[in-house]
Amino acid sequence: MPVVQITLLEGRSAEQKRRIAALVTDAIAEEAGTAREGVVVTFIDVTREDYARGGVLMADQKPK
């Protein structure tokens, strides 16, 4: 049973997560040759203070 864990900055809607879960599930099921029902997708929401890139917290980075 494939398990996919996705970490995102908080703020995504339930509808966005539904679409992401469906797309990821379809891709894994197709490429791994497994049933969609066997694919598990989990989401971990983190705050901008809990996520750093390049050694800098996202909360401290300037918006692009």
PDB file of N, CA and C in Angstrom:
ATOM      1  N   MET A   1       0.840  -1.171   0.000  1.00  0.00           N
ATOM      2  CA  MET A   1       0.000   0.000   0.000  1.00  0.00           C
ATOM      3  C   MET A   1       0.889   1.239   0.000  1.00  0.00           C
ATOM      4  N   PRO A   2       0.888   2.020  -1.095  1.00  0.00           N
ATOM      5  CA  PRO A   2       1.663   3.249  -1.129  1.00  0.00           C
ATOM      6  C   PRO A   2       1.079   4.304  -0.193  1.00  0.00           C
ATOM      7  N   VAL A   3       1.950   4.984   0.530  1.00  0.00           N
ATOM      8  CA  VAL A   3       1.551   6.079   1.406  1.00  0.00           C
ATOM      9  C   VAL A   3       2.329   7.318   0.970  1.00  0.00           C
ATOM     10  N   VAL A   4       1.611   8.387   0.662  1.00  0.00           N
ATOM     11  CA  VAL A   4       2.215   9.638   0.220  1.00  0.00           C
ATOM     12  C   VAL A   4       1.907  10.696   1.269  1.00  0.00           C
ATOM     13  N   GLN A   5       2.950  11.349   1.756  1.00  0.00           N
ATOM     14  CA  GLN A   5       2.783  12.404   2.751  1.00  0.00           C
ATOM     15  C   GLN A   5       3.151  13.730   2.099  1.00  0.00           C
ATOM     16  N   ILE A   6       2.241  14.685   2.155  1.00  0.00           N
ATOM     17  CA  ILE A   6       2.448  15.981   1.519  1.00  0.00           C
ATOM     18  C   ILE A   6       2.444  17.064   2.599  1.00  0.00           C
ATOM     19  N   THR A   7       3.526  17.820   2.661  1.00  0.00           N
ATOM     20  CA  THR A   7       3.630  18.913   3.611  1.00  0.00           C
ATOM     21  C   THR A   7       3.451  20.221   2.855  1.00  0.00           C
ATOM     22  N   LEU A   8       2.517  21.038   3.327  1.00  0.00           N
ATOM     23  CA  LEU A   8       2.206  22.315   2.688  1.00  0.00           C
ATOM     24  C   LEU A   8       2.145  23.419   3.731  1.00  0.00           C
ATOM     25  N   LEU A   9       2.409  24.636   3.297  1.00  0.00           N
ATOM     26  CA  LEU A   9       2.112  25.762   4.168  1.00  0.00           C
ATOM     27  C   LEU A   9       0.608  25.815   4.351  1.00  0.00           C
ATOM     28  N   GLU A  10       0.168  26.091   5.559  1.00  0.00           N
ATOM     29  CA  GLU A  10      -1.272  26.126   5.830  1.00  0.00           C
ATOM     30  C   GLU A  10      -1.956  27.147   4.947  1.00  0.00           C
ATOM     31  N   GLY A  11      -3.253  26.925   4.752  1.00  0.00           N
ATOM     32  CA  GLY A  11      -4.022  27.880   3.977  1.00  0.00           C
ATOM     33  C   GLY A  11      -4.680  27.280   2.750  1.00  0.00           C
ATOM     34  N   ARG A  12      -4.364  26.023   2.406  1.00  0.00           N
ATOM     35  CA  ARG A  12      -5.023  25.389   1.265  1.00  0.00           C
ATOM     36  C   ARG A  12      -6.434  24.987   1.678  1.00  0.00           C
ATOM     37  N   SER A  13      -7.364  25.137   0.776  1.00  0.00           N
ATOM     38  CA  SER A  13      -8.751  24.782   1.066  1.00  0.00           C
ATOM     39  C   SER A  13      -8.942  23.266   0.982  1.00  0.00           C
ATOM     40  N   ALA A  14     -10.047  22.812   1.538  1.00  0.00           N
ATOM     41  CA  ALA A  14     -10.372  21.385   1.443  1.00  0.00           C
ATOM     42  C   ALA A  14     -10.527  20.984  -0.020  1.00  0.00           C
ATOM     43  N   GLU A  15     -11.090  21.853  -0.837  1.00  0.00           N
ATOM     44  CA  GLU A  15     -11.263  21.529  -2.256  1.00  0.00           C
ATOM     45  C   GLU A  15      -9.909  21.376  -2.956  1.00  0.00           C
ATOM     46  N   GLN A  16      -8.958  22.227  -2.643  1.00  0.00           N
ATOM     47  CA  GLN A  16      -7.618  22.091  -3.226  1.00  0.00           C
ATOM     48  C   GLN A  16      -6.997  20.760  -2.814  1.00  0.00           C
ATOM     49  N   LYS A  17      -7.145  20.398  -1.555  1.00  0.00           N
ATOM     50  CA  LYS A  17      -6.586  19.131  -1.077  1.00  0.00           C
ATOM     51  C   LYS A  17      -7.283  17.945  -1.733  1.00  0.00           C
ATOM     52  N   ARG A  18      -8.584  18.050  -1.965  1.00  0.00           N
ATOM     53  CA  ARG A  18      -9.302  16.978  -2.677  1.00  0.00           C
ATOM     54  C   ARG A  18      -8.713  16.761  -4.060  1.00  0.00           C
ATOM     55  N   ARG A  19      -8.478  17.865  -4.780  1.00  0.00           N
ATOM     56  CA  ARG A  19      -7.936  17.755  -6.143  1.00  0.00           C
ATOM     57  C   ARG A  19      -6.516  17.198  -6.123  1.00  0.00           C
ATOM     58  N   ILE A  20      -5.697  17.675  -5.198  1.00  0.00           N
ATOM     59  CA  ILE A  20      -4.328  17.177  -5.083  1.00  0.00           C
ATOM     60  C   ILE A  20      -4.344  15.684  -4.768  1.00  0.00           C
ATOM     61  N   ALA A  21      -5.161  15.282  -3.806  1.00  0.00           N
ATOM     62  CA  ALA A  21      -5.238  13.867  -3.417  1.00  0.00           C
ATOM     63  C   ALA A  21      -5.666  13.004  -4.596  1.00  0.00           C
ATOM     64  N   ALA A  22      -6.638  13.465  -5.360  1.00  0.00           N
ATOM     65  CA  ALA A  22      -7.106  12.692  -6.509  1.00  0.00           C
ATOM     66  C   ALA A  22      -6.022  12.559  -7.575  1.00  0.00           C
ATOM     67  N   LEU A  23      -5.340  13.661  -7.880  1.00  0.00           N
ATOM     68  CA  LEU A  23      -4.278  13.629  -8.892  1.00  0.00           C
ATOM     69  C   LEU A  23      -3.116  12.730  -8.473  1.00  0.00           C
ATOM     70  N   VAL A  24      -2.688  12.878  -7.222  1.00  0.00           N
ATOM     71  CA  VAL A  24      -1.574  12.066  -6.718  1.00  0.00           C
ATOM     72  C   VAL A  24      -1.973  10.589  -6.697  1.00  0.00           C
ATOM     73  N   THR A  25      -3.190  10.309  -6.241  1.00  0.00           N
ATOM     74  CA  THR A  25      -3.667   8.930  -6.185  1.00  0.00           C
ATOM     75  C   THR A  25      -3.692   8.312  -7.574  1.00  0.00           C
ATOM     76  N   ASP A  26      -4.217   9.035  -8.547  1.00  0.00           N
ATOM     77  CA  ASP A  26      -4.257   8.521  -9.916  1.00  0.00           C
ATOM     78  C   ASP A  26      -2.861   8.221 -10.442  1.00  0.00           C
ATOM     79  N   ALA A  27      -1.922   9.137 -10.218  1.00  0.00           N
ATOM     80  CA  ALA A  27      -0.556   8.946 -10.716  1.00  0.00           C
ATOM     81  C   ALA A  27       0.123   7.746 -10.061  1.00  0.00           C
ATOM     82  N   ILE A  28       0.002   7.627  -8.745  1.00  0.00           N
ATOM     83  CA  ILE A  28       0.636   6.510  -8.035  1.00  0.00           C
ATOM     84  C   ILE A  28       0.004   5.189  -8.453  1.00  0.00           C
ATOM     85  N   ALA A  29      -1.330   5.150  -8.516  1.00  0.00           N
ATOM     86  CA  ALA A  29      -2.015   3.910  -8.885  1.00  0.00           C
ATOM     87  C   ALA A  29      -1.607   3.461 -10.284  1.00  0.00           C
ATOM     88  N   GLU A  30      -1.543   4.405 -11.213  1.00  0.00           N
ATOM     89  CA  GLU A  30      -1.169   4.060 -12.584  1.00  0.00           C
ATOM     90  C   GLU A  30       0.275   3.576 -12.679  1.00  0.00           C
ATOM     91  N   GLU A  31       1.195   4.318 -12.103  1.00  0.00           N
ATOM     92  CA  GLU A  31       2.612   3.979 -12.233  1.00  0.00           C
ATOM     93  C   GLU A  31       3.010   2.768 -11.395  1.00  0.00           C
ATOM     94  N   ALA A  32       2.377   2.584 -10.238  1.00  0.00           N
ATOM     95  CA  ALA A  32       2.727   1.460  -9.360  1.00  0.00           C
ATOM     96  C   ALA A  32       1.899   0.219  -9.677  1.00  0.00           C
ATOM     97  N   GLY A  33       0.894   0.384 -10.532  1.00  0.00           N
ATOM     98  CA  GLY A  33       0.062  -0.750 -10.877  1.00  0.00           C
ATOM     99  C   GLY A  33      -0.744  -1.267  -9.696  1.00  0.00           C
ATOM    100  N   THR A  34      -1.262  -0.356  -8.906  1.00  0.00           N
ATOM    101  CA  THR A  34      -2.037  -0.735  -7.730  1.00  0.00           C
ATOM    102  C   THR A  34      -3.422  -0.102  -7.810  1.00  0.00           C
ATOM    103  N   ALA A  35      -4.330  -0.595  -6.997  1.00  0.00           N
ATOM    104  CA  ALA A  35      -5.683  -0.038  -6.973  1.00  0.00           C
ATOM    105  C   ALA A  35      -5.681   1.323  -6.284  1.00  0.00           C
ATOM    106  N   ARG A  36      -6.538   2.215  -6.767  1.00  0.00           N
ATOM    107  CA  ARG A  36      -6.657   3.541  -6.151  1.00  0.00           C
ATOM    108  C   ARG A  36      -6.976   3.418  -4.667  1.00  0.00           C
ATOM    109  N   GLU A  37      -7.795   2.427  -4.316  1.00  0.00           N
ATOM    110  CA  GLU A  37      -8.213   2.242  -2.925  1.00  0.00           C
ATOM    111  C   GLU A  37      -7.043   1.914  -1.998  1.00  0.00           C
ATOM    112  N   GLY A  38      -5.946   1.470  -2.555  1.00  0.00           N
ATOM    113  CA  GLY A  38      -4.782   1.123  -1.757  1.00  0.00           C
ATOM    114  C   GLY A  38      -3.817   2.270  -1.538  1.00  0.00           C
ATOM    115  N   VAL A  39      -4.068   3.411  -2.170  1.00  0.00           N
ATOM    116  CA  VAL A  39      -3.177   4.563  -2.060  1.00  0.00           C
ATOM    117  C   VAL A  39      -3.672   5.468  -0.929  1.00  0.00           C
ATOM    118  N   VAL A  40      -2.763   5.808  -0.022  1.00  0.00           N
ATOM    119  CA  VAL A  40      -3.089   6.690   1.098  1.00  0.00           C
ATOM    120  C   VAL A  40      -2.330   8.000   0.911  1.00  0.00           C
ATOM    121  N   VAL A  41      -3.045   9.113   1.014  1.00  0.00           N
ATOM    122  CA  VAL A  41      -2.431  10.439   0.929  1.00  0.00           C
ATOM    123  C   VAL A  41      -2.727  11.163   2.232  1.00  0.00           C
ATOM    124  N   THR A  42      -1.680  11.676   2.885  1.00  0.00           N
ATOM    125  CA  THR A  42      -1.870  12.470   4.093  1.00  0.00           C
ATOM    126  C   THR A  42      -1.318  13.869   3.852  1.00  0.00           C
ATOM    127  N   PHE A  43      -1.961  14.839   4.482  1.00  0.00           N
ATOM    128  CA  PHE A  43      -1.519  16.229   4.384  1.00  0.00           C
ATOM    129  C   PHE A  43      -1.058  16.702   5.756  1.00  0.00           C
ATOM    130  N   ILE A  44       0.065  17.394   5.768  1.00  0.00           N
ATOM    131  CA  ILE A  44       0.567  18.020   6.982  1.00  0.00           C
ATOM    132  C   ILE A  44       0.649  19.512   6.702  1.00  0.00           C
ATOM    133  N   ASP A  45      -0.147  20.284   7.424  1.00  0.00           N
ATOM    134  CA  ASP A  45      -0.123  21.734   7.276  1.00  0.00           C
ATOM    135  C   ASP A  45       0.850  22.327   8.288  1.00  0.00           C
ATOM    136  N   VAL A  46       1.711  23.200   7.821  1.00  0.00           N
ATOM    137  CA  VAL A  46       2.657  23.868   8.715  1.00  0.00           C
ATOM    138  C   VAL A  46       2.503  25.377   8.568  1.00  0.00           C
ATOM    139  N   THR A  47       2.819  26.083   9.617  1.00  0.00           N
ATOM    140  CA  THR A  47       2.775  27.539   9.572  1.00  0.00           C
ATOM    141  C   THR A  47       4.049  28.072   8.913  1.00  0.00           C
ATOM    142  N   ARG A  48       4.032  29.333   8.558  1.00  0.00           N
ATOM    143  CA  ARG A  48       5.223  29.959   7.962  1.00  0.00           C
ATOM    144  C   ARG A  48       6.377  30.017   8.960  1.00  0.00           C
ATOM    145  N   GLU A  49       6.053  29.932  10.250  1.00  0.00           N
ATOM    146  CA  GLU A  49       7.088  29.915  11.287  1.00  0.00           C
ATOM    147  C   GLU A  49       7.686  28.515  11.474  1.00  0.00           C
ATOM    148  N   ASP A  50       7.028  27.495  10.931  1.00  0.00           N
ATOM    149  CA  ASP A  50       7.479  26.109  11.079  1.00  0.00           C
ATOM    150  C   ASP A  50       8.158  25.576   9.827  1.00  0.00           C
ATOM    151  N   TYR A  51       8.428  26.427   8.859  1.00  0.00           N
ATOM    152  CA  TYR A  51       8.944  25.984   7.564  1.00  0.00           C
ATOM    153  C   TYR A  51      10.061  26.926   7.142  1.00  0.00           C
ATOM    154  N   ALA A  52      11.209  26.373   6.815  1.00  0.00           N
ATOM    155  CA  ALA A  52      12.343  27.193   6.380  1.00  0.00           C
ATOM    156  C   ALA A  52      12.862  26.679   5.047  1.00  0.00           C
ATOM    157  N   ARG A  53      13.342  27.600   4.237  1.00  0.00           N
ATOM    158  CA  ARG A  53      13.983  27.244   2.970  1.00  0.00           C
ATOM    159  C   ARG A  53      15.276  28.037   2.882  1.00  0.00           C
ATOM    160  N   GLY A  54      16.352  27.355   2.590  1.00  0.00           N
ATOM    161  CA  GLY A  54      17.635  28.032   2.516  1.00  0.00           C
ATOM    162  C   GLY A  54      18.084  28.595   3.852  1.00  0.00           C
ATOM    163  N   GLY A  55      17.608  27.982   4.938  1.00  0.00           N
ATOM    164  CA  GLY A  55      18.006  28.413   6.265  1.00  0.00           C
ATOM    165  C   GLY A  55      17.238  29.614   6.793  1.00  0.00           C
ATOM    166  N   VAL A  56      16.223  30.045   6.046  1.00  0.00           N
ATOM    167  CA  VAL A  56      15.446  31.214   6.442  1.00  0.00           C
ATOM    168  C   VAL A  56      13.988  30.802   6.596  1.00  0.00           C
ATOM    169  N   LEU A  57      13.393  31.159   7.747  1.00  0.00           N
ATOM    170  CA  LEU A  57      11.989  30.854   7.932  1.00  0.00           C
ATOM    171  C   LEU A  57      11.153  31.512   6.845  1.00  0.00           C
ATOM    172  N   MET A  58      10.127  30.845   6.414  1.00  0.00           N
ATOM    173  CA  MET A  58       9.231  31.420   5.416  1.00  0.00           C
ATOM    174  C   MET A  58       8.618  32.713   5.941  1.00  0.00           C
ATOM    175  N   ALA A  59       8.393  32.791   7.248  1.00  0.00           N
ATOM    176  CA  ALA A  59       7.841  34.005   7.849  1.00  0.00           C
ATOM    177  C   ALA A  59       8.766  35.194   7.683  1.00  0.00           C
ATOM    178  N   ASP A  60      10.067  34.935   7.516  1.00  0.00           N
ATOM    179  CA  ASP A  60      11.046  36.012   7.384  1.00  0.00           C
ATOM    180  C   ASP A  60      11.387  36.313   5.925  1.00  0.00           C
ATOM    181  N   GLN A  61      10.873  35.523   4.992  1.00  0.00           N
ATOM    182  CA  GLN A  61      11.180  35.751   3.585  1.00  0.00           C
ATOM    183  C   GLN A  61      10.194  36.747   2.978  1.00  0.00           C
ATOM    184  N   LYS A  62      10.690  37.527   2.063  1.00  0.00           N
ATOM    185  CA  LYS A  62       9.850  38.501   1.383  1.00  0.00           C
ATOM    186  C   LYS A  62       8.960  37.757   0.388  1.00  0.00           C
ATOM    187  N   PRO A  63       7.684  38.154   0.298  1.00  0.00           N
ATOM    188  CA  PRO A  63       6.788  37.527  -0.685  1.00  0.00           C
ATOM    189  C   PRO A  63       7.302  37.769  -2.098  1.00  0.00           C
ATOM    190  N   LYS A  64       7.102  36.790  -2.962  1.00  0.00           N
ATOM    191  CA  LYS A  64       7.544  36.935  -4.365  1.00  0.00           C
ATOM    192  C   LYS A  64       6.412  37.404  -5.222  1.00  0.00           C
TER     193      LYS A  64
END
